[in-house]
């Protein structure tokens, strides 16, 4: 079976690096982006199995990215997990309808469990 692919958008380099290391060690292929702009410049021919977005980005919001994907016919069924230290799911669930929510700081085991839940 091919490795499951995760697209990660996280502006904090230390969190991004930790997530890359942990997810790679769990046999996920990770492509990460530090800004909304960088994410929007990705190769649109490559679709991941899951998106993992931070809410607060220097040039936008993970909520906006989530909304864009949920309106895109090629991505609307790909699970989106939102991470935030400042928000709660109810604050944006009507805007983008993420498949899951993780509050920061997060427990790695909890995050991995949520990812596995959404990749079934």
PDB file of N, CA and C in Angstrom:
ATOM      1  N   UNK A   1       0.833  -1.188   0.000  1.00  0.00           N
ATOM      2  CA  UNK A   1       0.000   0.000   0.000  1.00  0.00           C
ATOM      3  C   UNK A   1       0.877   1.250   0.000  1.00  0.00           C
ATOM      4  N   UNK A   2       0.478   2.224  -0.779  1.00  0.00           N
ATOM      5  CA  UNK A   2       1.225   3.474  -0.843  1.00  0.00           C
ATOM      6  C   UNK A   2       1.129   4.219   0.479  1.00  0.00           C
ATOM      7  N   UNK A   3       2.148   5.049   0.725  1.00  0.00           N
ATOM      8  CA  UNK A   3       2.106   5.892   1.922  1.00  0.00           C
ATOM      9  C   UNK A   3       0.974   6.897   1.782  1.00  0.00           C
ATOM     10  N   UNK A   4       0.275   7.153   2.864  1.00  0.00           N
ATOM     11  CA  UNK A   4      -0.773   8.166   2.857  1.00  0.00           C
ATOM     12  C   UNK A   4      -0.093   9.528   2.880  1.00  0.00           C
ATOM     13  N   UNK A   5      -0.639  10.454   2.123  1.00  0.00           N
ATOM     14  CA  UNK A   5      -0.026  11.772   1.964  1.00  0.00           C
ATOM     15  C   UNK A   5      -0.800  12.818   2.772  1.00  0.00           C
ATOM     16  N   UNK A   6      -0.051  13.620   3.538  1.00  0.00           N
ATOM     17  CA  UNK A   6      -0.635  14.702   4.334  1.00  0.00           C
ATOM     18  C   UNK A   6      -0.014  16.026   3.902  1.00  0.00           C
ATOM     19  N   UNK A   7      -0.864  17.006   3.626  1.00  0.00           N
ATOM     20  CA  UNK A   7      -0.398  18.369   3.368  1.00  0.00           C
ATOM     21  C   UNK A   7      -0.588  19.150   4.657  1.00  0.00           C
ATOM     22  N   UNK A   8       0.503  19.704   5.155  1.00  0.00           N
ATOM     23  CA  UNK A   8       0.542  20.430   6.423  1.00  0.00           C
ATOM     24  C   UNK A   8       0.802  21.910   6.156  1.00  0.00           C
ATOM     25  N   UNK A   9      -0.020  22.784   6.733  1.00  0.00           N
ATOM     26  CA  UNK A   9       0.221  24.223   6.651  1.00  0.00           C
ATOM     27  C   UNK A   9       0.349  24.732   8.081  1.00  0.00           C
ATOM     28  N   UNK A  10       1.569  25.108   8.452  1.00  0.00           N
ATOM     29  CA  UNK A  10       1.896  25.553   9.808  1.00  0.00           C
ATOM     30  C   UNK A  10       3.036  26.557   9.713  1.00  0.00           C
ATOM     31  N   UNK A  11       2.825  27.767  10.239  1.00  0.00           N
ATOM     32  CA  UNK A  11       3.844  28.799  10.114  1.00  0.00           C
ATOM     33  C   UNK A  11       4.947  28.706  11.165  1.00  0.00           C
ATOM     34  N   UNK A  12       4.682  28.088  12.295  1.00  0.00           N
ATOM     35  CA  UNK A  12       5.689  27.976  13.355  1.00  0.00           C
ATOM     36  C   UNK A  12       6.685  26.885  12.969  1.00  0.00           C
ATOM     37  N   UNK A  13       7.954  27.273  12.712  1.00  0.00           N
ATOM     38  CA  UNK A  13       8.921  26.281  12.210  1.00  0.00           C
ATOM     39  C   UNK A  13       9.149  25.114  13.163  1.00  0.00           C
ATOM     40  N   UNK A  14       9.123  25.353  14.473  1.00  0.00           N
ATOM     41  CA  UNK A  14       9.378  24.254  15.408  1.00  0.00           C
ATOM     42  C   UNK A  14       8.223  23.264  15.423  1.00  0.00           C
ATOM     43  N   UNK A  15       6.987  23.761  15.397  1.00  0.00           N
ATOM     44  CA  UNK A  15       5.828  22.860  15.351  1.00  0.00           C
ATOM     45  C   UNK A  15       5.802  22.115  14.020  1.00  0.00           C
ATOM     46  N   UNK A  16       6.078  22.836  12.938  1.00  0.00           N
ATOM     47  CA  UNK A  16       6.085  22.209  11.613  1.00  0.00           C
ATOM     48  C   UNK A  16       7.120  21.083  11.568  1.00  0.00           C
ATOM     49  N   UNK A  17       8.308  21.338  12.085  1.00  0.00           N
ATOM     50  CA  UNK A  17       9.365  20.326  12.062  1.00  0.00           C
ATOM     51  C   UNK A  17       9.000  19.108  12.909  1.00  0.00           C
ATOM     52  N   UNK A  18       8.451  19.341  14.094  1.00  0.00           N
ATOM     53  CA  UNK A  18       8.044  18.226  14.958  1.00  0.00           C
ATOM     54  C   UNK A  18       6.988  17.375  14.259  1.00  0.00           C
ATOM     55  N   UNK A  19       5.995  18.053  13.670  1.00  0.00           N
ATOM     56  CA  UNK A  19       4.941  17.309  12.969  1.00  0.00           C
ATOM     57  C   UNK A  19       5.496  16.527  11.786  1.00  0.00           C
ATOM     58  N   UNK A  20       6.412  17.125  11.049  1.00  0.00           N
ATOM     59  CA  UNK A  20       7.023  16.418   9.919  1.00  0.00           C
ATOM     60  C   UNK A  20       7.731  15.153  10.400  1.00  0.00           C
ATOM     61  N   UNK A  21       8.505  15.280  11.480  1.00  0.00           N
ATOM     62  CA  UNK A  21       9.261  14.136  12.011  1.00  0.00           C
ATOM     63  C   UNK A  21       8.317  13.044  12.506  1.00  0.00           C
ATOM     64  N   UNK A  22       7.325  13.429  13.311  1.00  0.00           N
ATOM     65  CA  UNK A  22       6.402  12.449  13.878  1.00  0.00           C
ATOM     66  C   UNK A  22       5.584  11.763  12.788  1.00  0.00           C
ATOM     67  N   UNK A  23       5.037  12.548  11.864  1.00  0.00           N
ATOM     68  CA  UNK A  23       4.188  11.962  10.824  1.00  0.00           C
ATOM     69  C   UNK A  23       4.994  11.071   9.878  1.00  0.00           C
ATOM     70  N   UNK A  24       6.208  11.488   9.557  1.00  0.00           N
ATOM     71  CA  UNK A  24       7.070  10.675   8.705  1.00  0.00           C
ATOM     72  C   UNK A  24       7.414   9.357   9.407  1.00  0.00           C
ATOM     73  N   UNK A  25       7.666   9.433  10.714  1.00  0.00           N
ATOM     74  CA  UNK A  25       7.988   8.218  11.468  1.00  0.00           C
ATOM     75  C   UNK A  25       6.793   7.262  11.552  1.00  0.00           C
ATOM     76  N   UNK A  26       5.588   7.809  11.346  1.00  0.00           N
ATOM     77  CA  UNK A  26       4.364   6.997  11.333  1.00  0.00           C
ATOM     78  C   UNK A  26       3.996   6.551   9.908  1.00  0.00           C
ATOM     79  N   UNK A  27       4.955   6.699   9.002  1.00  0.00           N
ATOM     80  CA  UNK A  27       4.803   6.267   7.605  1.00  0.00           C
ATOM     81  C   UNK A  27       3.812   7.086   6.797  1.00  0.00           C
ATOM     82  N   UNK A  28       3.714   8.374   7.116  1.00  0.00           N
ATOM     83  CA  UNK A  28       2.958   9.289   6.276  1.00  0.00           C
ATOM     84  C   UNK A  28       3.944  10.068   5.428  1.00  0.00           C
ATOM     85  N   UNK A  29       3.550  10.359   4.215  1.00  0.00           N
ATOM     86  CA  UNK A  29       4.333  11.255   3.367  1.00  0.00           C
ATOM     87  C   UNK A  29       3.810  12.662   3.645  1.00  0.00           C
ATOM     88  N   UNK A  30       4.713  13.561   4.031  1.00  0.00           N
ATOM     89  CA  UNK A  30       4.294  14.905   4.434  1.00  0.00           C
ATOM     90  C   UNK A  30       4.862  15.944   3.484  1.00  0.00           C
ATOM     91  N   UNK A  31       3.995  16.818   3.024  1.00  0.00           N
ATOM     92  CA  UNK A  31       4.434  17.997   2.286  1.00  0.00           C
ATOM     93  C   UNK A  31       3.971  19.183   3.110  1.00  0.00           C
ATOM     94  N   UNK A  32       4.920  20.038   3.512  1.00  0.00           N
ATOM     95  CA  UNK A  32       4.537  21.131   4.396  1.00  0.00           C
ATOM     96  C   UNK A  32       4.749  22.490   3.755  1.00  0.00           C
ATOM     97  N   UNK A  33       3.950  23.429   4.224  1.00  0.00           N
ATOM     98  CA  UNK A  33       3.939  24.806   3.727  1.00  0.00           C
ATOM     99  C   UNK A  33       3.904  25.728   4.938  1.00  0.00           C
ATOM    100  N   UNK A  34       4.617  26.861   4.854  1.00  0.00           N
ATOM    101  CA  UNK A  34       4.669  27.776   5.994  1.00  0.00           C
ATOM    102  C   UNK A  34       3.676  28.924   5.889  1.00  0.00           C
ATOM    103  N   UNK A  35       3.082  29.100   4.713  1.00  0.00           N
ATOM    104  CA  UNK A  35       2.138  30.197   4.521  1.00  0.00           C
ATOM    105  C   UNK A  35       0.961  29.738   3.653  1.00  0.00           C
ATOM    106  N   UNK A  36      -0.121  30.505   3.709  1.00  0.00           N
ATOM    107  CA  UNK A  36      -1.270  30.231   2.847  1.00  0.00           C
ATOM    108  C   UNK A  36      -0.866  30.402   1.381  1.00  0.00           C
ATOM    109  N   UNK A  37      -0.049  31.425   1.112  1.00  0.00           N
ATOM    110  CA  UNK A  37       0.399  31.676  -0.262  1.00  0.00           C
ATOM    111  C   UNK A  37       1.178  30.477  -0.802  1.00  0.00           C
ATOM    112  N   UNK A  38       2.113  29.963  -0.010  1.00  0.00           N
ATOM    113  CA  UNK A  38       2.906  28.801  -0.449  1.00  0.00           C
ATOM    114  C   UNK A  38       1.992  27.612  -0.730  1.00  0.00           C
ATOM    115  N   UNK A  39       1.001  27.414   0.118  1.00  0.00           N
ATOM    116  CA  UNK A  39       0.057  26.316  -0.088  1.00  0.00           C
ATOM    117  C   UNK A  39      -0.718  26.491  -1.391  1.00  0.00           C
ATOM    118  N   UNK A  40      -1.136  27.705  -1.662  1.00  0.00           N
ATOM    119  CA  UNK A  40      -1.913  27.957  -2.884  1.00  0.00           C
ATOM    120  C   UNK A  40      -1.074  27.780  -4.147  1.00  0.00           C
ATOM    121  N   UNK A  41       0.255  27.812  -4.009  1.00  0.00           N
ATOM    122  CA  UNK A  41       1.152  27.629  -5.149  1.00  0.00           C
ATOM    123  C   UNK A  41       1.512  26.152  -5.374  1.00  0.00           C
ATOM    124  N   UNK A  42       0.935  25.255  -4.574  1.00  0.00           N
ATOM    125  CA  UNK A  42       1.267  23.824  -4.669  1.00  0.00           C
ATOM    126  C   UNK A  42       0.882  23.264  -6.039  1.00  0.00           C
ATOM    127  N   UNK A  43       1.390  22.088  -6.315  1.00  0.00           N
ATOM    128  CA  UNK A  43       1.040  21.368  -7.543  1.00  0.00           C
ATOM    129  C   UNK A  43      -0.390  20.846  -7.387  1.00  0.00           C
ATOM    130  N   UNK A  44      -1.315  21.401  -8.147  1.00  0.00           N
ATOM    131  CA  UNK A  44      -2.724  21.032  -8.014  1.00  0.00           C
ATOM    132  C   UNK A  44      -3.037  19.644  -8.557  1.00  0.00           C
ATOM    133  N   UNK A  45      -2.067  19.040  -9.237  1.00  0.00           N
ATOM    134  CA  UNK A  45      -2.286  17.688  -9.754  1.00  0.00           C
ATOM    135  C   UNK A  45      -2.064  16.637  -8.668  1.00  0.00           C
ATOM    136  N   UNK A  46      -1.475  17.056  -7.559  1.00  0.00           N
ATOM    137  CA  UNK A  46      -1.201  16.137  -6.453  1.00  0.00           C
ATOM    138  C   UNK A  46      -2.193  16.421  -5.336  1.00  0.00           C
ATOM    139  N   UNK A  47      -3.009  15.431  -5.022  1.00  0.00           N
ATOM    140  CA  UNK A  47      -3.968  15.581  -3.935  1.00  0.00           C
ATOM    141  C   UNK A  47      -3.567  14.684  -2.774  1.00  0.00           C
ATOM    142  N   UNK A  48      -3.606  15.217  -1.568  1.00  0.00           N
ATOM    143  CA  UNK A  48      -3.248  14.401  -0.408  1.00  0.00           C
ATOM    144  C   UNK A  48      -4.434  13.562   0.061  1.00  0.00           C
ATOM    145  N   UNK A  49      -4.186  12.753   1.069  1.00  0.00           N
ATOM    146  CA  UNK A  49      -5.243  11.984   1.715  1.00  0.00           C
ATOM    147  C   UNK A  49      -5.857  12.770   2.867  1.00  0.00           C
ATOM    148  N   UNK A  50      -5.127  13.818   3.331  1.00  0.00           N
ATOM    149  CA  UNK A  50      -5.600  14.621   4.455  1.00  0.00           C
ATOM    150  C   UNK A  50      -4.880  15.959   4.464  1.00  0.00           C
ATOM    151  N   UNK A  51      -5.606  17.003   4.892  1.00  0.00           N
ATOM    152  CA  UNK A  51      -5.021  18.331   5.094  1.00  0.00           C
ATOM    153  C   UNK A  51      -4.980  18.618   6.587  1.00  0.00           C
ATOM    154  N   UNK A  52      -3.874  19.211   7.037  1.00  0.00           N
ATOM    155  CA  UNK A  52      -3.705  19.595   8.437  1.00  0.00           C
ATOM    156  C   UNK A  52      -3.312  21.071   8.455  1.00  0.00           C
ATOM    157  N   UNK A  53      -4.225  21.935   8.911  1.00  0.00           N
ATOM    158  CA  UNK A  53      -4.026  23.385   8.833  1.00  0.00           C
ATOM    159  C   UNK A  53      -3.991  24.039  10.199  1.00  0.00           C
ATOM    160  N   UNK A  54      -3.036  24.944  10.376  1.00  0.00           N
ATOM    161  CA  UNK A  54      -3.065  25.864  11.513  1.00  0.00           C
ATOM    162  C   UNK A  54      -4.072  26.954  11.161  1.00  0.00           C
ATOM    163  N   UNK A  55      -4.755  27.514  12.159  1.00  0.00           N
ATOM    164  CA  UNK A  55      -5.722  28.577  11.889  1.00  0.00           C
ATOM    165  C   UNK A  55      -5.014  29.892  11.580  1.00  0.00           C
ATOM    166  N   UNK A  56      -4.110  30.296  12.463  1.00  0.00           N
ATOM    167  CA  UNK A  56      -3.457  31.605  12.330  1.00  0.00           C
ATOM    168  C   UNK A  56      -2.194  31.494  11.486  1.00  0.00           C
ATOM    169  N   UNK A  57      -2.243  32.054  10.291  1.00  0.00           N
ATOM    170  CA  UNK A  57      -1.088  32.068   9.395  1.00  0.00           C
ATOM    171  C   UNK A  57      -0.709  33.519   9.122  1.00  0.00           C
ATOM    172  N   UNK A  58       0.554  33.785   8.790  1.00  0.00           N
ATOM    173  CA  UNK A  58       0.980  35.183   8.615  1.00  0.00           C
ATOM    174  C   UNK A  58       0.269  35.902   7.472  1.00  0.00           C
ATOM    175  N   UNK A  59      -0.221  35.141   6.508  1.00  0.00           N
ATOM    176  CA  UNK A  59      -0.825  35.769   5.331  1.00  0.00           C
ATOM    177  C   UNK A  59      -2.240  35.257   5.061  1.00  0.00           C
ATOM    178  N   UNK A  60      -2.881  34.755   6.082  1.00  0.00           N
ATOM    179  CA  UNK A  60      -4.228  34.247   5.881  1.00  0.00           C
ATOM    180  C   UNK A  60      -4.653  33.357   7.021  1.00  0.00           C
ATOM    181  N   UNK A  61      -5.552  32.453   6.709  1.00  0.00           N
ATOM    182  CA  UNK A  61      -6.139  31.619   7.750  1.00  0.00           C
ATOM    183  C   UNK A  61      -6.363  30.206   7.236  1.00  0.00           C
ATOM    184  N   UNK A  62      -6.126  29.240   8.106  1.00  0.00           N
ATOM    185  CA  UNK A  62      -6.428  27.860   7.770  1.00  0.00           C
ATOM    186  C   UNK A  62      -7.913  27.658   7.529  1.00  0.00           C
ATOM    187  N   UNK A  63      -8.736  28.515   8.132  1.00  0.00           N
ATOM    188  CA  UNK A  63     -10.183  28.437   7.925  1.00  0.00           C
ATOM    189  C   UNK A  63     -10.517  28.789   6.480  1.00  0.00           C
ATOM    190  N   UNK A  64      -9.867  29.831   5.964  1.00  0.00           N
ATOM    191  CA  UNK A  64     -10.083  30.202   4.559  1.00  0.00           C
ATOM    192  C   UNK A  64      -9.632  29.085   3.616  1.00  0.00           C
ATOM    193  N   UNK A  65      -8.480  28.490   3.920  1.00  0.00           N
ATOM    194  CA  UNK A  65      -7.985  27.386   3.083  1.00  0.00           C
ATOM    195  C   UNK A  65      -8.968  26.223   3.109  1.00  0.00           C
ATOM    196  N   UNK A  66      -9.485  25.929   4.302  1.00  0.00           N
ATOM    197  CA  UNK A  66     -10.464  24.857   4.460  1.00  0.00           C
ATOM    198  C   UNK A  66     -11.706  25.146   3.618  1.00  0.00           C
ATOM    199  N   UNK A  67     -12.195  26.371   3.680  1.00  0.00           N
ATOM    200  CA  UNK A  67     -13.388  26.752   2.900  1.00  0.00           C
ATOM    201  C   UNK A  67     -13.148  26.588   1.411  1.00  0.00           C
ATOM    202  N   UNK A  68     -11.969  27.014   0.952  1.00  0.00           N
ATOM    203  CA  UNK A  68     -11.641  26.884  -0.472  1.00  0.00           C
ATOM    204  C   UNK A  68     -11.664  25.414  -0.897  1.00  0.00           C
ATOM    205  N   UNK A  69     -11.088  24.547  -0.068  1.00  0.00           N
ATOM    206  CA  UNK A  69     -11.021  23.124  -0.412  1.00  0.00           C
ATOM    207  C   UNK A  69     -12.397  22.479  -0.408  1.00  0.00           C
ATOM    208  N   UNK A  70     -13.221  22.851   0.566  1.00  0.00           N
ATOM    209  CA  UNK A  70     -14.549  22.243   0.676  1.00  0.00           C
ATOM    210  C   UNK A  70     -15.453  22.655  -0.485  1.00  0.00           C
ATOM    211  N   UNK A  71     -15.099  23.747  -1.173  1.00  0.00           N
ATOM    212  CA  UNK A  71     -15.866  24.187  -2.341  1.00  0.00           C
ATOM    213  C   UNK A  71     -15.293  23.643  -3.652  1.00  0.00           C
ATOM    214  N   UNK A  72     -14.124  22.990  -3.559  1.00  0.00           N
ATOM    215  CA  UNK A  72     -13.442  22.465  -4.746  1.00  0.00           C
ATOM    216  C   UNK A  72     -13.864  21.012  -4.981  1.00  0.00           C
ATOM    217  N   UNK A  73     -14.406  20.748  -6.151  1.00  0.00           N
ATOM    218  CA  UNK A  73     -14.917  19.411  -6.476  1.00  0.00           C
ATOM    219  C   UNK A  73     -13.862  18.317  -6.292  1.00  0.00           C
ATOM    220  N   UNK A  74     -12.586  18.632  -6.536  1.00  0.00           N
ATOM    221  CA  UNK A  74     -11.521  17.629  -6.430  1.00  0.00           C
ATOM    222  C   UNK A  74     -11.048  17.401  -5.001  1.00  0.00           C
ATOM    223  N   UNK A  75     -11.393  18.310  -4.097  1.00  0.00           N
ATOM    224  CA  UNK A  75     -10.886  18.211  -2.731  1.00  0.00           C
ATOM    225  C   UNK A  75     -11.963  18.163  -1.660  1.00  0.00           C
ATOM    226  N   UNK A  76     -13.217  18.334  -2.031  1.00  0.00           N
ATOM    227  CA  UNK A  76     -14.260  18.497  -1.019  1.00  0.00           C
ATOM    228  C   UNK A  76     -14.410  17.287  -0.095  1.00  0.00           C
ATOM    229  N   UNK A  77     -14.008  16.118  -0.561  1.00  0.00           N
ATOM    230  CA  UNK A  77     -14.133  14.919   0.262  1.00  0.00           C
ATOM    231  C   UNK A  77     -12.847  14.545   0.999  1.00  0.00           C
ATOM    232  N   UNK A  78     -11.786  15.328   0.796  1.00  0.00           N
ATOM    233  CA  UNK A  78     -10.527  15.065   1.495  1.00  0.00           C
ATOM    234  C   UNK A  78     -10.645  15.648   2.908  1.00  0.00           C
ATOM    235  N   UNK A  79     -10.377  14.845   3.944  1.00  0.00           N
ATOM    236  CA  UNK A  79     -10.527  15.342   5.314  1.00  0.00           C
ATOM    237  C   UNK A  79      -9.598  16.520   5.611  1.00  0.00           C
ATOM    238  N   UNK A  80     -10.125  17.465   6.388  1.00  0.00           N
ATOM    239  CA  UNK A  80      -9.363  18.622   6.848  1.00  0.00           C
ATOM    240  C   UNK A  80      -9.383  18.631   8.370  1.00  0.00           C
ATOM    241  N   UNK A  81      -8.195  18.694   8.967  1.00  0.00           N
ATOM    242  CA  UNK A  81      -8.084  18.862  10.420  1.00  0.00           C
ATOM    243  C   UNK A  81      -7.519  20.255  10.663  1.00  0.00           C
ATOM    244  N   UNK A  82      -8.190  21.008  11.523  1.00  0.00           N
ATOM    245  CA  UNK A  82      -7.774  22.367  11.882  1.00  0.00           C
ATOM    246  C   UNK A  82      -7.097  22.323  13.249  1.00  0.00           C
ATOM    247  N   UNK A  83      -5.971  23.046  13.383  1.00  0.00           N
ATOM    248  CA  UNK A  83      -5.265  23.165  14.664  1.00  0.00           C
ATOM    249  C   UNK A  83      -5.294  24.628  15.093  1.00  0.00           C
ATOM    250  N   UNK A  84      -5.562  24.874  16.373  1.00  0.00           N
ATOM    251  CA  UNK A  84      -5.555  26.250  16.845  1.00  0.00           C
ATOM    252  C   UNK A  84      -5.347  26.331  18.344  1.00  0.00           C
ATOM    253  N   UNK A  85      -4.588  27.348  18.756  1.00  0.00           N
ATOM    254  CA  UNK A  85      -4.421  27.631  20.175  1.00  0.00           C
ATOM    255  C   UNK A  85      -5.477  28.627  20.642  1.00  0.00           C
ATOM    256  N   UNK A  86      -6.139  29.286  19.700  1.00  0.00           N
ATOM    257  CA  UNK A  86      -7.004  30.406  20.051  1.00  0.00           C
ATOM    258  C   UNK A  86      -8.474  30.188  19.765  1.00  0.00           C
ATOM    259  N   UNK A  87      -8.789  29.208  18.967  1.00  0.00           N
ATOM    260  CA  UNK A  87     -10.177  29.048  18.529  1.00  0.00           C
ATOM    261  C   UNK A  87     -10.764  27.749  19.067  1.00  0.00           C
ATOM    262  N   UNK A  88     -12.060  27.674  18.975  1.00  0.00           N
ATOM    263  CA  UNK A  88     -12.776  26.448  19.282  1.00  0.00           C
ATOM    264  C   UNK A  88     -13.552  26.060  18.035  1.00  0.00           C
ATOM    265  N   UNK A  89     -13.828  24.789  17.910  1.00  0.00           N
ATOM    266  CA  UNK A  89     -14.487  24.285  16.707  1.00  0.00           C
ATOM    267  C   UNK A  89     -15.762  25.047  16.383  1.00  0.00           C
ATOM    268  N   UNK A  90     -16.553  25.347  17.395  1.00  0.00           N
ATOM    269  CA  UNK A  90     -17.839  25.996  17.121  1.00  0.00           C
ATOM    270  C   UNK A  90     -17.675  27.379  16.503  1.00  0.00           C
ATOM    271  N   UNK A  91     -16.500  27.997  16.687  1.00  0.00           N
ATOM    272  CA  UNK A  91     -16.275  29.336  16.154  1.00  0.00           C
ATOM    273  C   UNK A  91     -16.193  29.356  14.626  1.00  0.00           C
ATOM    274  N   UNK A  92     -15.817  28.255  14.025  1.00  0.00           N
ATOM    275  CA  UNK A  92     -15.676  28.276  12.565  1.00  0.00           C
ATOM    276  C   UNK A  92     -16.270  27.068  11.862  1.00  0.00           C
ATOM    277  N   UNK A  93     -16.958  26.212  12.596  1.00  0.00           N
ATOM    278  CA  UNK A  93     -17.478  25.000  11.967  1.00  0.00           C
ATOM    279  C   UNK A  93     -18.493  25.311  10.872  1.00  0.00           C
ATOM    280  N   UNK A  94     -19.220  26.415  11.015  1.00  0.00           N
ATOM    281  CA  UNK A  94     -20.188  26.769   9.974  1.00  0.00           C
ATOM    282  C   UNK A  94     -19.502  27.370   8.751  1.00  0.00           C
ATOM    283  N   UNK A  95     -18.324  27.933   8.953  1.00  0.00           N
ATOM    284  CA  UNK A  95     -17.615  28.583   7.848  1.00  0.00           C
ATOM    285  C   UNK A  95     -16.967  27.547   6.937  1.00  0.00           C
ATOM    286  N   UNK A  96     -16.236  26.611   7.525  1.00  0.00           N
ATOM    287  CA  UNK A  96     -15.485  25.685   6.671  1.00  0.00           C
ATOM    288  C   UNK A  96     -15.785  24.215   6.901  1.00  0.00           C
ATOM    289  N   UNK A  97     -16.480  23.872   7.941  1.00  0.00           N
ATOM    290  CA  UNK A  97     -16.822  22.488   8.242  1.00  0.00           C
ATOM    291  C   UNK A  97     -15.633  21.529   8.177  1.00  0.00           C
ATOM    292  N   UNK A  98     -14.636  21.759   9.046  1.00  0.00           N
ATOM    293  CA  UNK A  98     -13.499  20.821   9.074  1.00  0.00           C
ATOM    294  C   UNK A  98     -13.968  19.451   9.549  1.00  0.00           C
ATOM    295  N   UNK A  99     -13.202  18.439   9.229  1.00  0.00           N
ATOM    296  CA  UNK A  99     -13.553  17.086   9.637  1.00  0.00           C
ATOM    297  C   UNK A  99     -13.134  16.802  11.068  1.00  0.00           C
ATOM    298  N   UNK A 100     -12.188  17.602  11.555  1.00  0.00           N
ATOM    299  CA  UNK A 100     -11.742  17.434  12.930  1.00  0.00           C
ATOM    300  C   UNK A 100     -11.037  18.694  13.387  1.00  0.00           C
ATOM    301  N   UNK A 101     -10.844  18.807  14.695  1.00  0.00           N
ATOM    302  CA  UNK A 101     -10.233  19.985  15.299  1.00  0.00           C
ATOM    303  C   UNK A 101      -9.297  19.532  16.400  1.00  0.00           C
ATOM    304  N   UNK A 102      -8.124  20.152  16.456  1.00  0.00           N
ATOM    305  CA  UNK A 102      -7.141  19.883  17.501  1.00  0.00           C
ATOM    306  C   UNK A 102      -6.777  21.213  18.147  1.00  0.00           C
ATOM    307  N   UNK A 103      -6.887  21.298  19.471  1.00  0.00           N
ATOM    308  CA  UNK A 103      -6.461  22.542  20.105  1.00  0.00           C
ATOM    309  C   UNK A 103      -4.995  22.419  20.504  1.00  0.00           C
ATOM    310  N   UNK A 104      -4.281  23.527  20.358  1.00  0.00           N
ATOM    311  CA  UNK A 104      -2.867  23.585  20.729  1.00  0.00           C
ATOM    312  C   UNK A 104      -2.771  24.130  22.153  1.00  0.00           C
ATOM    313  N   UNK A 105      -1.785  23.700  22.913  1.00  0.00           N
ATOM    314  CA  UNK A 105      -0.819  22.642  22.563  1.00  0.00           C
ATOM    315  C   UNK A 105      -1.543  21.300  22.498  1.00  0.00           C
ATOM    316  N   UNK A 106      -1.087  20.447  21.599  1.00  0.00           N
ATOM    317  CA  UNK A 106      -1.768  19.174  21.412  1.00  0.00           C
ATOM    318  C   UNK A 106      -0.900  18.021  21.871  1.00  0.00           C
ATOM    319  N   UNK A 107      -1.569  16.950  22.180  1.00  0.00           N
ATOM    320  CA  UNK A 107      -0.918  15.701  22.531  1.00  0.00           C
ATOM    321  C   UNK A 107      -0.685  14.936  21.227  1.00  0.00           C
ATOM    322  N   UNK A 108       0.542  14.529  20.981  1.00  0.00           N
ATOM    323  CA  UNK A 108       0.894  13.867  19.721  1.00  0.00           C
ATOM    324  C   UNK A 108       0.055  12.609  19.497  1.00  0.00           C
ATOM    325  N   UNK A 109      -0.140  11.818  20.549  1.00  0.00           N
ATOM    326  CA  UNK A 109      -0.925  10.585  20.393  1.00  0.00           C
ATOM    327  C   UNK A 109      -2.368  10.905  20.000  1.00  0.00           C
ATOM    328  N   UNK A 110      -2.915  11.960  20.582  1.00  0.00           N
ATOM    329  CA  UNK A 110      -4.272  12.385  20.249  1.00  0.00           C
ATOM    330  C   UNK A 110      -4.334  12.837  18.786  1.00  0.00           C
ATOM    331  N   UNK A 111      -3.343  13.608  18.366  1.00  0.00           N
ATOM    332  CA  UNK A 111      -3.302  14.059  16.970  1.00  0.00           C
ATOM    333  C   UNK A 111      -3.224  12.868  16.017  1.00  0.00           C
ATOM    334  N   UNK A 112      -2.345  11.920  16.310  1.00  0.00           N
ATOM    335  CA  UNK A 112      -2.212  10.739  15.451  1.00  0.00           C
ATOM    336  C   UNK A 112      -3.512   9.934  15.409  1.00  0.00           C
ATOM    337  N   UNK A 113      -4.190   9.843  16.543  1.00  0.00           N
ATOM    338  CA  UNK A 113      -5.466   9.123  16.576  1.00  0.00           C
ATOM    339  C   UNK A 113      -6.501   9.832  15.703  1.00  0.00           C
ATOM    340  N   UNK A 114      -6.536  11.157  15.759  1.00  0.00           N
ATOM    341  CA  UNK A 114      -7.499  11.917  14.944  1.00  0.00           C
ATOM    342  C   UNK A 114      -7.188  11.754  13.451  1.00  0.00           C
ATOM    343  N   UNK A 115      -5.902  11.756  13.125  1.00  0.00           N
ATOM    344  CA  UNK A 115      -5.509  11.573  11.722  1.00  0.00           C
ATOM    345  C   UNK A 115      -5.966  10.196  11.248  1.00  0.00           C
ATOM    346  N   UNK A 116      -5.686   9.166  12.047  1.00  0.00           N
ATOM    347  CA  UNK A 116      -6.083   7.798  11.659  1.00  0.00           C
ATOM    348  C   UNK A 116      -7.594   7.686  11.507  1.00  0.00           C
ATOM    349  N   UNK A 117      -8.355   8.308  12.427  1.00  0.00           N
ATOM    350  CA  UNK A 117      -9.829   8.312  12.351  1.00  0.00           C
ATOM    351  C   UNK A 117     -10.305   8.842  11.003  1.00  0.00           C
ATOM    352  N   UNK A 118      -9.654   9.900  10.552  1.00  0.00           N
ATOM    353  CA  UNK A 118     -10.101  10.576   9.332  1.00  0.00           C
ATOM    354  C   UNK A 118      -9.581   9.919   8.065  1.00  0.00           C
ATOM    355  N   UNK A 119      -8.692   8.969   8.192  1.00  0.00           N
ATOM    356  CA  UNK A 119      -8.153   8.295   7.008  1.00  0.00           C
ATOM    357  C   UNK A 119      -8.750   6.908   6.805  1.00  0.00           C
ATOM    358  N   UNK A 120      -9.740   6.558   7.591  1.00  0.00           N
ATOM    359  CA  UNK A 120     -10.382   5.242   7.466  1.00  0.00           C
ATOM    360  C   UNK A 120     -11.130   5.151   6.156  1.00  0.00           C
TER     361      UNK A 120
END
